[in-house]
Each structure stands twice: as structure tokens, then as C-alpha cells.
Amino acid sequence: MVKGLGDEELQQDLQQQQLQQQQLQQQQQQQQQQQLLTHGGVLQQQQQQQLQQQLQQQQQQQTSSIEADAVYAQL
């Protein structure tokens, strides 16, 4: 990788990721508010916890791949 280009791309990736995380957090908050309004919220909460765990795992995989790119860029 060319150092200058790699750095810019990494910054863009990180910015996009931060935006995605903010959007996900907003979605989760909205879903939690909806749960309060709906009946039978227990089942929904269980499903949602699973979804949140999956989302968190995806985010961790994305950050680790970006960090790996950053290491290559430094070499």
C-alpha cells in the first residue's frame, strides 16, 4: 500500500464505521421504545438480544480487519 492513500482510506473507513455504529445505536433505542409499547415484550426482548449480539460481533470483525489494514499501512 502507498502510505498516503492507505491512511486516507483508513480514516474514511473508520468514519463510515462510526456512522454505522451511531445508526445502529439509534435503531436499538427505537426498538427498545417500541417494546415498551407492545404486549408480549418478553419474547421480543430475547430475539432482540440475539440480534444485538450478532451486530456487535459484526462490528468487532469490521474493526479488527480495519486494524489489520492499518498495520499493513505502517509497514
C-alpha atoms as a PDB file:
ATOM      1  CA  MET A   1       0.000   0.000   0.000  1.00  0.00           C
ATOM      2  CA  VAL A   2       1.025   3.578  -0.612  1.00  0.00           C
ATOM      3  CA  LYS A   3       1.183   5.267   2.782  1.00  0.00           C
ATOM      4  CA  GLY A   4      -0.749   8.470   1.920  1.00  0.00           C
ATOM      5  CA  LEU A   5      -3.589   6.699   0.134  1.00  0.00           C
ATOM      6  CA  GLY A   6      -3.843   3.976   2.773  1.00  0.00           C
ATOM      7  CA  ASP A   7      -4.163   6.491   5.605  1.00  0.00           C
ATOM      8  CA  GLU A   8      -6.950   8.397   3.853  1.00  0.00           C
ATOM      9  CA  GLU A   9      -8.854   5.213   3.102  1.00  0.00           C
ATOM     10  CA  LEU A  10      -8.498   4.056   6.702  1.00  0.00           C
ATOM     11  CA  GLN A  11      -9.845   7.357   8.011  1.00  0.00           C
ATOM     12  CA  GLN A  12     -12.826   7.110   5.656  1.00  0.00           C
ATOM     13  CA  ASP A  13     -13.452   3.507   6.749  1.00  0.00           C
ATOM     14  CA  LEU A  14     -13.345   4.485  10.409  1.00  0.00           C
ATOM     15  CA  GLN A  15     -15.688   7.440   9.832  1.00  0.00           C
ATOM     16  CA  GLN A  16     -18.164   5.210   8.000  1.00  0.00           C
ATOM     17  CA  GLN A  17     -17.979   2.701  10.819  1.00  0.00           C
ATOM     18  CA  GLN A  18     -18.624   5.306  13.485  1.00  0.00           C
ATOM     19  CA  LEU A  19     -21.674   6.450  11.497  1.00  0.00           C
ATOM     20  CA  GLN A  20     -22.918   2.862  11.212  1.00  0.00           C
ATOM     21  CA  GLN A  21     -22.495   2.320  14.946  1.00  0.00           C
ATOM     22  CA  GLN A  22     -24.401   5.537  15.722  1.00  0.00           C
ATOM     23  CA  GLN A  23     -27.206   4.469  13.391  1.00  0.00           C
ATOM     24  CA  LEU A  24     -27.325   1.012  14.984  1.00  0.00           C
ATOM     25  CA  GLN A  25     -27.490   2.505  18.465  1.00  0.00           C
ATOM     26  CA  GLN A  26     -30.358   4.758  17.386  1.00  0.00           C
ATOM     27  CA  GLN A  27     -32.189   1.798  15.851  1.00  0.00           C
ATOM     28  CA  GLN A  28     -31.711  -0.225  19.024  1.00  0.00           C
ATOM     29  CA  GLN A  29     -33.046   2.616  21.169  1.00  0.00           C
ATOM     30  CA  GLN A  30     -36.096   2.966  18.918  1.00  0.00           C
ATOM     31  CA  GLN A  31     -36.714  -0.785  19.074  1.00  0.00           C
ATOM     32  CA  GLN A  32     -36.479  -0.735  22.859  1.00  0.00           C
ATOM     33  CA  GLN A  33     -39.051   2.074  22.999  1.00  0.00           C
ATOM     34  CA  GLN A  34     -41.342   0.073  20.714  1.00  0.00           C
ATOM     35  CA  GLN A  35     -41.025  -2.943  23.020  1.00  0.00           C
ATOM     36  CA  LEU A  36     -42.445  -0.914  25.870  1.00  0.00           C
ATOM     37  CA  LEU A  37     -45.489  -0.127  23.730  1.00  0.00           C
ATOM     38  CA  THR A  38     -46.117  -3.697  22.537  1.00  0.00           C
ATOM     39  CA  HIS A  39     -47.614  -6.570  24.535  1.00  0.00           C
ATOM     40  CA  GLY A  40     -45.662  -9.814  24.978  1.00  0.00           C
ATOM     41  CA  GLY A  41     -42.411  -7.880  25.159  1.00  0.00           C
ATOM     42  CA  VAL A  42     -40.518 -10.776  26.758  1.00  0.00           C
ATOM     43  CA  LEU A  43     -40.269 -12.808  23.540  1.00  0.00           C
ATOM     44  CA  GLN A  44     -39.269  -9.735  21.558  1.00  0.00           C
ATOM     45  CA  GLN A  45     -36.551  -8.859  24.057  1.00  0.00           C
ATOM     46  CA  GLN A  46     -34.983 -12.291  23.749  1.00  0.00           C
ATOM     47  CA  GLN A  47     -34.957 -12.079  19.956  1.00  0.00           C
ATOM     48  CA  GLN A  48     -33.517  -8.602  20.111  1.00  0.00           C
ATOM     49  CA  GLN A  49     -30.685  -9.519  22.452  1.00  0.00           C
ATOM     50  CA  GLN A  50     -29.641 -12.168  19.932  1.00  0.00           C
ATOM     51  CA  LEU A  51     -29.765  -9.594  17.133  1.00  0.00           C
ATOM     52  CA  GLN A  52     -27.690  -7.132  19.159  1.00  0.00           C
ATOM     53  CA  GLN A  53     -25.074  -9.797  19.863  1.00  0.00           C
ATOM     54  CA  GLN A  54     -24.854 -10.588  16.144  1.00  0.00           C
ATOM     55  CA  LEU A  55     -24.476  -6.892  15.319  1.00  0.00           C
ATOM     56  CA  GLN A  56     -21.751  -6.474  17.938  1.00  0.00           C
ATOM     57  CA  GLN A  57     -19.860  -9.458  16.538  1.00  0.00           C
ATOM     58  CA  GLN A  58     -20.072  -7.994  13.026  1.00  0.00           C
ATOM     59  CA  GLN A  59     -18.771  -4.652  14.301  1.00  0.00           C
ATOM     60  CA  GLN A  60     -15.853  -6.361  16.072  1.00  0.00           C
ATOM     61  CA  GLN A  61     -14.948  -8.241  12.885  1.00  0.00           C
ATOM     62  CA  GLN A  62     -15.021  -4.987  10.900  1.00  0.00           C
ATOM     63  CA  THR A  63     -12.824  -3.131  13.390  1.00  0.00           C
ATOM     64  CA  SER A  64     -10.284  -5.979  13.558  1.00  0.00           C
ATOM     65  CA  SER A  65      -9.992  -6.079   9.740  1.00  0.00           C
ATOM     66  CA  ILE A  66      -9.530  -2.297   9.623  1.00  0.00           C
ATOM     67  CA  GLU A  67      -6.872  -2.531  12.339  1.00  0.00           C
ATOM     68  CA  ALA A  68      -5.116  -5.209  10.294  1.00  0.00           C
ATOM     69  CA  ASP A  69      -5.151  -2.872   7.282  1.00  0.00           C
ATOM     70  CA  ALA A  70      -3.655  -0.140   9.473  1.00  0.00           C
ATOM     71  CA  VAL A  71      -0.798  -2.454  10.468  1.00  0.00           C
ATOM     72  CA  TYR A  72      -0.062  -3.202   6.806  1.00  0.00           C
ATOM     73  CA  ALA A  73      -0.151   0.508   6.005  1.00  0.00           C
ATOM     74  CA  GLN A  74       2.501   1.175   8.639  1.00  0.00           C
ATOM     75  CA  LEU A  75       4.917  -1.418   7.214  1.00  0.00           C
END
